[in-house]
Amino acid sequence: MANDIKNINGDLDFSGGDVSWGESTRALTQKIISVRKGSLKHAPGLGVGIEDYLNDDDSAKILNSINQELTSDGMTVKSLSIENSKISIDADY
């Protein structure tokens, strides 16, 4: 999915003299995983709220929540795993 690109600070990237456009699937995936439900005005039912799972040992519950939210946003999730406290996601629109 193409969208405007933000820099590391979350601001629009104007490095080329205009708003940069490019692949945004990774940025959108990160946003969906990080925000809690109710945080996005345009999609109040969307969000995993990964911080809520920090002390949770049930990786299946975390993966299910991530899969459910990405799928509800229109993504096709090809693979999803947690290894050594890192989440690996292969998903695309």
N, C-alpha and C. Protein backbone atom coordinates (compact mmCIF):
# COMPACT_ATOMS: atom_id res chain seq x y z
N MET A 1 0.84 -1.17 0.00
CA MET A 1 0.00 0.00 0.00
C MET A 1 0.89 1.24 0.00
N ALA A 2 0.62 2.16 -0.87
CA ALA A 2 1.39 3.41 -0.93
C ALA A 2 0.71 4.45 -0.06
N ASN A 3 1.52 5.20 0.64
CA ASN A 3 1.02 6.23 1.53
C ASN A 3 2.12 7.24 1.75
N ASP A 4 1.80 8.33 2.45
CA ASP A 4 2.86 9.28 2.76
C ASP A 4 3.84 8.64 3.74
N ILE A 5 5.09 9.01 3.66
CA ILE A 5 6.14 8.42 4.48
C ILE A 5 6.53 9.39 5.58
N LYS A 6 6.65 8.86 6.77
CA LYS A 6 7.04 9.67 7.91
C LYS A 6 8.48 9.34 8.29
N ASN A 7 9.17 10.34 8.82
CA ASN A 7 10.55 10.11 9.25
C ASN A 7 10.57 9.44 10.61
N ILE A 8 11.74 9.27 11.17
CA ILE A 8 11.89 8.54 12.43
C ILE A 8 11.15 9.20 13.59
N ASN A 9 10.90 10.51 13.48
CA ASN A 9 10.19 11.24 14.53
C ASN A 9 8.67 11.21 14.35
N GLY A 10 8.21 10.56 13.27
CA GLY A 10 6.78 10.49 13.01
C GLY A 10 6.24 11.67 12.23
N ASP A 11 7.14 12.56 11.78
CA ASP A 11 6.74 13.71 10.98
C ASP A 11 6.77 13.35 9.51
N LEU A 12 6.00 14.07 8.69
CA LEU A 12 6.04 13.83 7.26
C LEU A 12 7.45 14.06 6.73
N ASP A 13 7.87 13.23 5.80
CA ASP A 13 9.21 13.32 5.22
C ASP A 13 9.17 14.23 3.99
N PHE A 14 9.86 15.35 4.08
CA PHE A 14 9.95 16.31 2.97
C PHE A 14 11.37 16.34 2.40
N SER A 15 12.13 15.25 2.56
CA SER A 15 13.54 15.25 2.18
C SER A 15 13.77 15.52 0.69
N GLY A 16 12.83 15.22 -0.16
CA GLY A 16 12.99 15.47 -1.59
C GLY A 16 12.38 16.79 -2.03
N GLY A 17 11.98 17.63 -1.08
CA GLY A 17 11.37 18.91 -1.41
C GLY A 17 9.85 18.85 -1.46
N ASP A 18 9.29 17.65 -1.36
CA ASP A 18 7.85 17.46 -1.37
C ASP A 18 7.57 16.27 -0.45
N VAL A 19 6.32 16.02 -0.18
CA VAL A 19 5.97 14.88 0.67
C VAL A 19 6.41 13.60 -0.03
N SER A 20 7.13 12.75 0.70
CA SER A 20 7.58 11.48 0.14
C SER A 20 6.44 10.47 0.19
N TRP A 21 6.35 9.67 -0.86
CA TRP A 21 5.36 8.62 -0.94
C TRP A 21 6.08 7.30 -1.14
N GLY A 22 5.55 6.23 -0.58
CA GLY A 22 6.17 4.93 -0.76
C GLY A 22 5.40 3.85 -0.05
N GLU A 23 6.00 2.68 0.04
CA GLU A 23 5.40 1.51 0.68
C GLU A 23 5.20 1.79 2.17
N SER A 24 3.98 1.62 2.65
CA SER A 24 3.68 1.97 4.04
C SER A 24 3.14 0.79 4.85
N THR A 25 3.15 -0.40 4.30
CA THR A 25 2.58 -1.55 5.01
C THR A 25 3.26 -1.76 6.37
N ARG A 26 4.58 -1.65 6.41
CA ARG A 26 5.28 -1.85 7.67
C ARG A 26 4.88 -0.81 8.71
N ALA A 27 4.80 0.45 8.30
CA ALA A 27 4.42 1.52 9.23
C ALA A 27 2.99 1.32 9.74
N LEU A 28 2.08 0.93 8.84
CA LEU A 28 0.70 0.70 9.25
C LEU A 28 0.59 -0.50 10.19
N THR A 29 1.38 -1.54 9.93
CA THR A 29 1.40 -2.72 10.80
C THR A 29 1.87 -2.33 12.19
N GLN A 30 2.94 -1.55 12.26
CA GLN A 30 3.46 -1.11 13.55
C GLN A 30 2.43 -0.28 14.31
N LYS A 31 1.74 0.57 13.60
CA LYS A 31 0.73 1.41 14.24
C LYS A 31 -0.42 0.57 14.79
N ILE A 32 -0.90 -0.38 14.00
CA ILE A 32 -2.01 -1.24 14.44
C ILE A 32 -1.61 -2.03 15.68
N ILE A 33 -0.38 -2.52 15.72
CA ILE A 33 0.08 -3.30 16.86
C ILE A 33 0.27 -2.44 18.10
N SER A 34 0.72 -1.22 17.92
CA SER A 34 1.04 -0.39 19.08
C SER A 34 -0.17 0.31 19.70
N VAL A 35 -1.14 0.73 18.89
CA VAL A 35 -2.26 1.49 19.46
C VAL A 35 -3.28 0.57 20.12
N ARG A 36 -3.97 1.13 21.10
CA ARG A 36 -5.05 0.40 21.77
C ARG A 36 -6.37 0.71 21.07
N LYS A 37 -7.32 -0.19 21.22
CA LYS A 37 -8.66 0.06 20.69
C LYS A 37 -9.17 1.37 21.28
N GLY A 38 -9.79 2.18 20.44
CA GLY A 38 -10.31 3.46 20.88
C GLY A 38 -9.34 4.61 20.68
N SER A 39 -8.10 4.31 20.29
CA SER A 39 -7.09 5.35 20.11
C SER A 39 -7.19 6.06 18.76
N LEU A 40 -7.71 5.37 17.76
CA LEU A 40 -7.80 5.95 16.42
C LEU A 40 -9.22 6.45 16.18
N LYS A 41 -9.35 7.74 15.98
CA LYS A 41 -10.67 8.34 15.81
C LYS A 41 -11.39 7.77 14.58
N HIS A 42 -10.65 7.51 13.50
CA HIS A 42 -11.27 7.01 12.27
C HIS A 42 -11.56 5.51 12.31
N ALA A 43 -10.96 4.80 13.27
CA ALA A 43 -11.18 3.35 13.39
C ALA A 43 -11.08 2.96 14.87
N PRO A 44 -12.06 3.32 15.66
CA PRO A 44 -11.97 3.09 17.11
C PRO A 44 -11.91 1.63 17.54
N GLY A 45 -12.32 0.72 16.68
CA GLY A 45 -12.28 -0.69 17.03
C GLY A 45 -10.99 -1.38 16.64
N LEU A 46 -10.03 -0.63 16.08
CA LEU A 46 -8.80 -1.21 15.58
C LEU A 46 -7.64 -0.96 16.54
N GLY A 47 -6.85 -1.99 16.81
CA GLY A 47 -5.66 -1.83 17.63
C GLY A 47 -5.42 -3.04 18.52
N VAL A 48 -4.15 -3.39 18.68
CA VAL A 48 -3.76 -4.51 19.54
C VAL A 48 -3.44 -4.03 20.94
N GLY A 49 -2.73 -2.91 21.05
CA GLY A 49 -2.28 -2.45 22.37
C GLY A 49 -1.23 -3.38 22.93
N ILE A 50 -0.15 -3.59 22.18
CA ILE A 50 0.86 -4.59 22.53
C ILE A 50 1.43 -4.37 23.92
N GLU A 51 1.47 -3.14 24.40
CA GLU A 51 1.99 -2.88 25.75
C GLU A 51 1.19 -3.61 26.82
N ASP A 52 -0.08 -3.86 26.54
CA ASP A 52 -0.92 -4.58 27.50
C ASP A 52 -0.51 -6.04 27.65
N TYR A 53 0.30 -6.55 26.72
CA TYR A 53 0.72 -7.95 26.74
C TYR A 53 2.15 -8.14 27.25
N LEU A 54 2.80 -7.08 27.72
CA LEU A 54 4.21 -7.17 28.10
C LEU A 54 4.51 -8.26 29.11
N ASN A 55 3.67 -8.45 30.09
CA ASN A 55 3.91 -9.47 31.11
C ASN A 55 3.07 -10.73 30.91
N ASP A 56 2.55 -10.89 29.70
CA ASP A 56 1.70 -12.03 29.39
C ASP A 56 2.54 -13.13 28.76
N ASP A 57 2.46 -14.33 29.31
CA ASP A 57 3.23 -15.47 28.79
C ASP A 57 2.50 -16.25 27.71
N ASP A 58 1.26 -15.88 27.44
CA ASP A 58 0.45 -16.62 26.46
C ASP A 58 0.68 -16.06 25.06
N SER A 59 1.71 -16.57 24.38
CA SER A 59 2.05 -16.07 23.05
C SER A 59 0.94 -16.34 22.04
N ALA A 60 0.18 -17.40 22.21
CA ALA A 60 -0.91 -17.70 21.29
C ALA A 60 -1.97 -16.59 21.34
N LYS A 61 -2.24 -16.07 22.52
CA LYS A 61 -3.21 -14.99 22.68
C LYS A 61 -2.72 -13.72 21.99
N ILE A 62 -1.44 -13.42 22.14
CA ILE A 62 -0.86 -12.24 21.50
C ILE A 62 -0.92 -12.38 19.98
N LEU A 63 -0.49 -13.53 19.47
CA LEU A 63 -0.49 -13.76 18.03
C LEU A 63 -1.90 -13.73 17.45
N ASN A 64 -2.85 -14.28 18.17
CA ASN A 64 -4.24 -14.26 17.73
C ASN A 64 -4.76 -12.83 17.63
N SER A 65 -4.44 -12.02 18.62
CA SER A 65 -4.88 -10.63 18.62
C SER A 65 -4.27 -9.86 17.45
N ILE A 66 -2.98 -10.05 17.21
CA ILE A 66 -2.30 -9.39 16.09
C ILE A 66 -2.92 -9.84 14.77
N ASN A 67 -3.10 -11.14 14.60
CA ASN A 67 -3.68 -11.68 13.36
C ASN A 67 -5.08 -11.12 13.13
N GLN A 68 -5.87 -11.10 14.16
CA GLN A 68 -7.25 -10.63 14.06
C GLN A 68 -7.29 -9.15 13.64
N GLU A 69 -6.46 -8.32 14.25
CA GLU A 69 -6.48 -6.89 13.94
C GLU A 69 -5.94 -6.59 12.55
N LEU A 70 -4.86 -7.26 12.15
CA LEU A 70 -4.31 -7.03 10.82
C LEU A 70 -5.29 -7.50 9.74
N THR A 71 -5.92 -8.63 9.97
CA THR A 71 -6.91 -9.15 9.03
C THR A 71 -8.12 -8.23 8.93
N SER A 72 -8.55 -7.70 10.07
CA SER A 72 -9.71 -6.81 10.05
C SER A 72 -9.41 -5.50 9.31
N ASP A 73 -8.12 -5.15 9.20
CA ASP A 73 -7.74 -3.95 8.45
C ASP A 73 -7.55 -4.26 6.96
N GLY A 74 -7.75 -5.50 6.56
CA GLY A 74 -7.67 -5.86 5.15
C GLY A 74 -6.37 -6.52 4.74
N MET A 75 -5.51 -6.82 5.68
CA MET A 75 -4.24 -7.48 5.35
C MET A 75 -4.43 -8.98 5.21
N THR A 76 -3.55 -9.58 4.43
CA THR A 76 -3.45 -11.03 4.36
C THR A 76 -2.21 -11.40 5.14
N VAL A 77 -2.40 -12.13 6.22
CA VAL A 77 -1.28 -12.53 7.07
C VAL A 77 -0.78 -13.89 6.60
N LYS A 78 0.45 -13.92 6.11
CA LYS A 78 1.05 -15.15 5.59
C LYS A 78 1.72 -15.95 6.70
N SER A 79 2.42 -15.25 7.60
CA SER A 79 3.03 -15.92 8.74
C SER A 79 3.18 -14.94 9.88
N LEU A 80 3.18 -15.48 11.09
CA LEU A 80 3.23 -14.68 12.30
C LEU A 80 3.85 -15.54 13.39
N SER A 81 4.90 -15.03 14.04
CA SER A 81 5.55 -15.82 15.09
C SER A 81 6.23 -14.92 16.10
N ILE A 82 6.51 -15.50 17.27
CA ILE A 82 7.30 -14.82 18.30
C ILE A 82 8.45 -15.74 18.64
N GLU A 83 9.67 -15.20 18.49
CA GLU A 83 10.87 -15.95 18.85
C GLU A 83 11.83 -15.00 19.56
N ASN A 84 12.33 -15.41 20.72
CA ASN A 84 13.26 -14.60 21.49
C ASN A 84 12.71 -13.19 21.73
N SER A 85 11.44 -13.11 22.09
CA SER A 85 10.76 -11.84 22.38
C SER A 85 10.64 -10.91 21.18
N LYS A 86 10.81 -11.42 19.98
CA LYS A 86 10.65 -10.62 18.76
C LYS A 86 9.49 -11.16 17.95
N ILE A 87 8.65 -10.25 17.49
CA ILE A 87 7.50 -10.63 16.68
C ILE A 87 7.88 -10.54 15.21
N SER A 88 7.68 -11.61 14.47
CA SER A 88 7.93 -11.63 13.03
C SER A 88 6.59 -11.71 12.31
N ILE A 89 6.39 -10.81 11.36
CA ILE A 89 5.14 -10.74 10.63
C ILE A 89 5.42 -10.68 9.14
N ASP A 90 4.74 -11.54 8.40
CA ASP A 90 4.76 -11.48 6.94
C ASP A 90 3.31 -11.26 6.53
N ALA A 91 2.97 -10.01 6.21
CA ALA A 91 1.59 -9.65 5.87
C ALA A 91 1.62 -8.54 4.83
N ASP A 92 0.57 -8.48 4.04
CA ASP A 92 0.49 -7.46 3.00
C ASP A 92 -0.98 -7.18 2.69
N TYR A 93 -1.21 -6.02 2.10
CA TYR A 93 -2.55 -5.64 1.67
C TYR A 93 -2.84 -6.21 0.31
